[in-house]
Structures are given as structure tokens and as C-alpha cells.
C-alpha atoms as a PDB file:
ATOM      1  CA  MET A   1     108.102 130.694 105.709  1.00  0.00           C
ATOM      2  CA  THR A   2     107.334 133.180 108.470  1.00  0.00           C
ATOM      3  CA  GLU A   3     110.094 131.708 110.662  1.00  0.00           C
ATOM      4  CA  MET A   4     112.697 132.653 108.075  1.00  0.00           C
ATOM      5  CA  MET A   5     111.420 136.171 107.456  1.00  0.00           C
ATOM      6  CA  PRO A   6     112.170 138.988 109.886  1.00  0.00           C
ATOM      7  CA  ALA A   7     109.193 140.548 111.637  1.00  0.00           C
ATOM      8  CA  GLY A   8     107.604 143.314 109.608  1.00  0.00           C
ATOM      9  CA  SER A   9     108.942 142.080 106.263  1.00  0.00           C
ATOM     10  CA  PHE A  10     105.538 141.209 104.812  1.00  0.00           C
ATOM     11  CA  SER A  11     103.786 143.795 102.679  1.00  0.00           C
ATOM     12  CA  SER A  12     100.181 144.660 103.469  1.00  0.00           C
ATOM     13  CA  GLU A  13      99.170 142.850 100.268  1.00  0.00           C
ATOM     14  CA  GLN A  14     100.925 139.679 101.451  1.00  0.00           C
ATOM     15  CA  ILE A  15      99.309 139.898 104.869  1.00  0.00           C
ATOM     16  CA  THR A  16      95.883 140.359 103.276  1.00  0.00           C
ATOM     17  CA  ALA A  17      96.551 137.371 101.009  1.00  0.00           C
ATOM     18  CA  LEU A  18      97.468 135.197 104.014  1.00  0.00           C
ATOM     19  CA  PHE A  19      94.314 136.327 105.832  1.00  0.00           C
ATOM     20  CA  ILE A  20      92.136 135.521 102.825  1.00  0.00           C
ATOM     21  CA  ASP A  21      93.878 132.159 102.387  1.00  0.00           C
ATOM     22  CA  ALA A  22      93.042 131.328 106.009  1.00  0.00           C
ATOM     23  CA  ALA A  23      89.385 132.043 105.186  1.00  0.00           C
ATOM     24  CA  ARG A  24      89.546 129.897 102.032  1.00  0.00           C
ATOM     25  CA  LEU A  25      90.949 127.023 104.080  1.00  0.00           C
ATOM     26  CA  GLY A  26      88.496 127.535 106.939  1.00  0.00           C
ATOM     27  CA  ASP A  27      91.296 128.073 109.433  1.00  0.00           C
ATOM     28  CA  THR A  28      89.253 129.813 112.132  1.00  0.00           C
ATOM     29  CA  GLU A  29      92.161 129.741 114.572  1.00  0.00           C
ATOM     30  CA  MET A  30      94.371 131.678 112.156  1.00  0.00           C
ATOM     31  CA  LEU A  31      91.528 134.060 111.268  1.00  0.00           C
ATOM     32  CA  THR A  32      91.032 134.755 114.968  1.00  0.00           C
ATOM     33  CA  ARG A  33      94.752 135.451 115.398  1.00  0.00           C
ATOM     34  CA  PHE A  34      94.734 137.882 112.487  1.00  0.00           C
ATOM     35  CA  LEU A  35      91.654 139.681 113.789  1.00  0.00           C
ATOM     36  CA  ASP A  36      92.933 139.799 117.368  1.00  0.00           C
ATOM     37  CA  ALA A  37      96.163 141.330 116.038  1.00  0.00           C
ATOM     38  CA  GLY A  38      94.186 144.128 114.394  1.00  0.00           C
ATOM     39  CA  MET A  39      93.533 142.850 110.879  1.00  0.00           C
ATOM     40  CA  VAL A  40      90.706 144.765 109.227  1.00  0.00           C
ATOM     41  CA  VAL A  41      87.935 142.202 108.813  1.00  0.00           C
ATOM     42  CA  ASP A  42      86.894 143.633 105.428  1.00  0.00           C
ATOM     43  CA  ALA A  43      90.411 143.958 103.980  1.00  0.00           C
ATOM     44  CA  GLN A  44      90.328 143.452 100.209  1.00  0.00           C
ATOM     45  CA  ASP A  45      92.936 142.006  97.876  1.00  0.00           C
ATOM     46  CA  SER A  46      93.686 143.278  94.364  1.00  0.00           C
ATOM     47  CA  ARG A  47      90.561 141.501  93.026  1.00  0.00           C
ATOM     48  CA  GLY A  48      88.414 143.046  95.728  1.00  0.00           C
ATOM     49  CA  TYR A  49      87.978 139.724  97.511  1.00  0.00           C
ATOM     50  CA  THR A  50      87.447 139.796 101.244  1.00  0.00           C
ATOM     51  CA  ALA A  51      87.898 136.920 103.640  1.00  0.00           C
ATOM     52  CA  LEU A  52      84.084 136.701 103.911  1.00  0.00           C
ATOM     53  CA  ILE A  53      83.574 136.546 100.145  1.00  0.00           C
ATOM     54  CA  VAL A  54      86.169 133.766  99.870  1.00  0.00           C
ATOM     55  CA  ALA A  55      84.992 131.760 102.904  1.00  0.00           C
ATOM     56  CA  ALA A  56      81.374 131.941 101.741  1.00  0.00           C
ATOM     57  CA  TYR A  57      82.213 131.056  98.125  1.00  0.00           C
ATOM     58  CA  ASN A  58      84.096 127.984  99.319  1.00  0.00           C
ATOM     59  CA  GLY A  59      81.227 126.920 101.572  1.00  0.00           C
ATOM     60  CA  VAL A  60      83.273 127.245 104.764  1.00  0.00           C
ATOM     61  CA  LEU A  61      80.465 127.785 107.278  1.00  0.00           C
ATOM     62  CA  PRO A  62      82.561 128.149 110.481  1.00  0.00           C
ATOM     63  CA  ALA A  63      84.865 130.756 108.918  1.00  0.00           C
ATOM     64  CA  THR A  64      81.895 132.607 107.424  1.00  0.00           C
ATOM     65  CA  ALA A  65      80.180 132.643 110.828  1.00  0.00           C
ATOM     66  CA  LEU A  66      83.327 133.858 112.598  1.00  0.00           C
ATOM     67  CA  LEU A  67      83.880 136.683 110.122  1.00  0.00           C
ATOM     68  CA  LEU A  68      80.269 137.815 110.404  1.00  0.00           C
ATOM     69  CA  GLU A  69      80.483 137.683 114.219  1.00  0.00           C
ATOM     70  CA  ARG A  70      83.619 139.836 114.030  1.00  0.00           C
ATOM     71  CA  GLY A  71      81.811 142.466 111.945  1.00  0.00           C
ATOM     72  CA  ALA A  72      82.401 141.545 108.305  1.00  0.00           C
ATOM     73  CA  ASP A  73      80.114 143.431 105.945  1.00  0.00           C
ATOM     74  CA  PRO A  74      78.026 140.861 104.049  1.00  0.00           C
ATOM     75  CA  ASP A  75      77.399 143.389 101.264  1.00  0.00           C
ATOM     76  CA  MET A  76      81.010 144.167 100.302  1.00  0.00           C
ATOM     77  CA  GLN A  77      81.559 143.782  96.567  1.00  0.00           C
ATOM     78  CA  ASP A  78      84.611 142.469  94.768  1.00  0.00           C
ATOM     79  CA  ALA A  79      86.138 144.096  91.677  1.00  0.00           C
ATOM     80  CA  LYS A  80      83.373 142.603  89.490  1.00  0.00           C
ATOM     81  CA  GLY A  81      80.631 143.736  91.856  1.00  0.00           C
ATOM     82  CA  ALA A  82      79.907 140.295  93.287  1.00  0.00           C
ATOM     83  CA  THR A  83      78.992 139.904  96.958  1.00  0.00           C
ATOM     84  CA  ALA A  84      79.414 136.903  99.227  1.00  0.00           C
ATOM     85  CA  LEU A  85      75.771 135.991  98.519  1.00  0.00           C
ATOM     86  CA  SER A  86      76.414 136.139  94.762  1.00  0.00           C
ATOM     87  CA  GLY A  87      79.158 133.542  95.052  1.00  0.00           C
ATOM     88  CA  VAL A  88      77.107 131.374  97.373  1.00  0.00           C
ATOM     89  CA  ALA A  89      74.144 131.491  94.975  1.00  0.00           C
ATOM     90  CA  PHE A  90      76.448 130.452  92.124  1.00  0.00           C
ATOM     91  CA  LYS A  91      77.926 127.573  94.130  1.00  0.00           C
ATOM     92  CA  GLY A  92      74.687 126.503  95.836  1.00  0.00           C
ATOM     93  CA  HIS A  93      75.853 126.559  99.473  1.00  0.00           C
ATOM     94  CA  LEU A  94      72.447 126.795 101.182  1.00  0.00           C
ATOM     95  CA  ALA A  95      73.618 126.839 104.801  1.00  0.00           C
ATOM     96  CA  VAL A  96      76.063 129.644 104.050  1.00  0.00           C
ATOM     97  CA  ALA A  97      73.343 131.564 102.189  1.00  0.00           C
ATOM     98  CA  GLU A  98      71.031 131.216 105.178  1.00  0.00           C
ATOM     99  CA  LEU A  99      73.773 132.518 107.455  1.00  0.00           C
ATOM    100  CA  LEU A 100      74.431 135.520 105.206  1.00  0.00           C
ATOM    101  CA  ILE A 101      70.717 136.275 104.968  1.00  0.00           C
ATOM    102  CA  SER A 102      70.380 136.053 108.752  1.00  0.00           C
ATOM    103  CA  ALA A 103      73.228 138.609 108.922  1.00  0.00           C
ATOM    104  CA  ASN A 104      71.068 140.948 106.805  1.00  0.00           C
ATOM    105  CA  ALA A 105      72.880 140.481 103.514  1.00  0.00           C
ATOM    106  CA  LYS A 106      70.990 142.374 100.840  1.00  0.00           C
ATOM    107  CA  LEU A 107      69.416 139.942  98.393  1.00  0.00           C
ATOM    108  CA  ASP A 108      69.412 141.985  95.207  1.00  0.00           C
ATOM    109  CA  ILE A 109      72.788 143.724  94.946  1.00  0.00           C
ATOM    110  CA  PRO A 110      73.712 143.528  91.258  1.00  0.00           C
ATOM    111  CA  SER A 111      77.200 142.801  89.963  1.00  0.00           C
ATOM    112  CA  HIS A 112      78.749 145.178  87.446  1.00  0.00           C
ATOM    113  CA  LEU A 113      76.886 143.184  84.772  1.00  0.00           C
ATOM    114  CA  GLY A 114      73.652 143.751  86.664  1.00  0.00           C
ATOM    115  CA  ARG A 115      73.359 140.143  87.806  1.00  0.00           C
ATOM    116  CA  THR A 116      71.849 139.447  91.216  1.00  0.00           C
ATOM    117  CA  PRO A 117      72.299 136.364  93.403  1.00  0.00           C
ATOM    118  CA  LEU A 118      68.889 135.123  92.188  1.00  0.00           C
ATOM    119  CA  MET A 119      70.080 135.396  88.587  1.00  0.00           C
ATOM    120  CA  PHE A 120      73.221 133.405  89.401  1.00  0.00           C
ATOM    121  CA  ALA A 121      71.154 130.722  91.135  1.00  0.00           C
ATOM    122  CA  VAL A 122      68.905 130.428  88.068  1.00  0.00           C
ATOM    123  CA  MET A 123      71.832 130.473  85.606  1.00  0.00           C
ATOM    124  CA  PHE A 124      73.544 127.584  87.367  1.00  0.00           C
ATOM    125  CA  GLY A 125      70.452 125.485  88.078  1.00  0.00           C
ATOM    126  CA  ARG A 126      70.561 125.934  91.862  1.00  0.00           C
ATOM    127  CA  GLN A 127      66.835 125.352  92.360  1.00  0.00           C
ATOM    128  CA  ASP A 128      67.026 125.069  96.151  1.00  0.00           C
ATOM    129  CA  MET A 129      68.884 128.381  96.201  1.00  0.00           C
ATOM    130  CA  VAL A 130      66.242 129.947  93.956  1.00  0.00           C
ATOM    131  CA  ARG A 131      63.583 128.796  96.431  1.00  0.00           C
ATOM    132  CA  LEU A 132      65.536 130.142  99.401  1.00  0.00           C
ATOM    133  CA  LEU A 133      66.196 133.546  97.832  1.00  0.00           C
ATOM    134  CA  LEU A 134      62.601 133.953  96.688  1.00  0.00           C
ATOM    135  CA  SER A 135      61.280 132.918 100.109  1.00  0.00           C
ATOM    136  CA  HIS A 136      63.324 135.741 101.644  1.00  0.00           C
ATOM    137  CA  GLY A 137      62.093 138.319  99.149  1.00  0.00           C
ATOM    138  CA  ALA A 138      64.598 138.363  96.285  1.00  0.00           C
ATOM    139  CA  ASP A 139      63.202 140.393  93.389  1.00  0.00           C
ATOM    140  CA  PRO A 140      62.502 138.220  90.322  1.00  0.00           C
ATOM    141  CA  ASN A 141      61.725 141.311  88.234  1.00  0.00           C
ATOM    142  CA  GLN A 142      65.206 142.868  88.171  1.00  0.00           C
ATOM    143  CA  ARG A 143      67.017 143.030  84.852  1.00  0.00           C
ATOM    144  CA  ASP A 144      70.729 142.712  84.189  1.00  0.00           C
ATOM    145  CA  ALA A 145      72.882 145.106  82.156  1.00  0.00           C
ATOM    146  CA  GLU A 146      71.735 143.421  78.939  1.00  0.00           C
ATOM    147  CA  GLY A 147      68.094 143.966  79.876  1.00  0.00           C
ATOM    148  CA  LEU A 148      67.465 140.304  80.653  1.00  0.00           C
ATOM    149  CA  SER A 149      65.039 139.455  83.427  1.00  0.00           C
ATOM    150  CA  VAL A 150      65.287 136.475  85.733  1.00  0.00           C
ATOM    151  CA  ARG A 151      62.608 134.839  83.537  1.00  0.00           C
ATOM    152  CA  ASP A 152      64.680 135.453  80.383  1.00  0.00           C
ATOM    153  CA  ILE A 153      67.749 133.968  82.047  1.00  0.00           C
ATOM    154  CA  ALA A 154      65.735 130.965  83.244  1.00  0.00           C
ATOM    155  CA  GLU A 155      64.433 130.309  79.735  1.00  0.00           C
ATOM    156  CA  SER A 156      67.873 130.617  78.136  1.00  0.00           C
ATOM    157  CA  HIS A 157      69.331 128.184  80.699  1.00  0.00           C
ATOM    158  CA  GLY A 158      66.611 125.549  80.462  1.00  0.00           C
ATOM    159  CA  GLN A 159      65.037 126.614  83.746  1.00  0.00           C
ATOM    160  CA  SER A 160      61.725 127.913  82.355  1.00  0.00           C
ATOM    161  CA  HIS A 161      59.835 125.468  84.588  1.00  0.00           C
ATOM    162  CA  LEU A 162      60.492 127.945  87.414  1.00  0.00           C
ATOM    163  CA  PHE A 163      57.840 130.222  85.930  1.00  0.00           C
ATOM    164  CA  THR A 164      54.270 130.217  84.676  1.00  0.00           C
ATOM    165  CA  SER A 165      52.808 133.356  83.106  1.00  0.00           C
ATOM    166  CA  ASP A 166      54.172 136.245  85.139  1.00  0.00           C
ATOM    167  CA  THR A 167      54.473 134.390  88.407  1.00  0.00           C
ATOM    168  CA  VAL A 168      57.485 132.652  89.870  1.00  0.00           C
ATOM    169  CA  ILE A 169      56.578 129.174  91.066  1.00  0.00           C
ATOM    170  CA  PRO A 170      58.086 128.320  94.437  1.00  0.00           C
ATOM    171  CA  LEU A 171      59.653 124.897  93.939  1.00  0.00           C
END
């Protein structure tokens, strides 16, 4: 496709989409080429996705590592307020979560619905992720936009075994 198009004929939206697709596919060589050519590492598409958010969500550890090494902000939020760690918590990619946490990703950034990565991990039964987030200090007392606590979410999703009285049980 690029061979048939004259240089400079791609819009910035198309270039950003190609960059984000390279992250989705884990194409670290292409990501490196984009970045070396001056691509903004935190460029966002119309949904607010960044290459880091997409690489992390898809569990692509090498691309996630490269983007973080090249300065990607682990706390960027998409149009719904989700961060890379939110998507990773939802999907259960532990190694990617550990990498994001080691890059100082904030653990408790809420989405526009007030949901934190810990809430997503509980909602989708990602018990190992729950353990990991709690071990790094995620706040189990936050409430979402509906006023639901992590405990309330756990109970409504059949995960009440994560709690006894007011204490979160490390699994």
C-alpha cells in the first residue's frame, strides 16, 4: 500500500493508526522505525488509544517494553478513561501488568465510570491480577461512579471469597 502512495499522502490519523496497529501486532521493528522518524510515542487515535494501551491490552510484552523505554506515559487514558493497566487487569496479562507497575503506572486511576484496574480484575475473575494489584498497594476501598466498592463488585460477580469482614484476603 505504501509503495503505491506518494510520500506525504497519509493523513496524521492514518499514520497514527498504522503506528497503533504495529503495537497491536507486536511489530517492534516497525514501532522503532516510527519512533526514530519522530512519531510521538503517546499519539492517540480517535478513541484515545495509544500504542502502549493497545500493546498492553493485547499482552504484547516486547512492544509494551519498547514503548515504555521510549517514554510512553503509562497513565494516559483513552476516551473512556481507561489506562493501559485497566486493560491489562481486564485481560489478565500479569507480566505486562508487572512491567507497567515497574514503570510507575498509577494503580488506582478510575475510568469515566469510576472503575479502577482492581475493579476490572475483580469483575472479570482475574484472581492472580487481584493479588498482584493488592500486593502493590491498589486501594480496595475506592468506589465507582455508581457508589459500588470493590467488595460490592466482588459480591455481584461471585467473587465474594476475596473478602472476609472488612479485610481483603490475599489469595
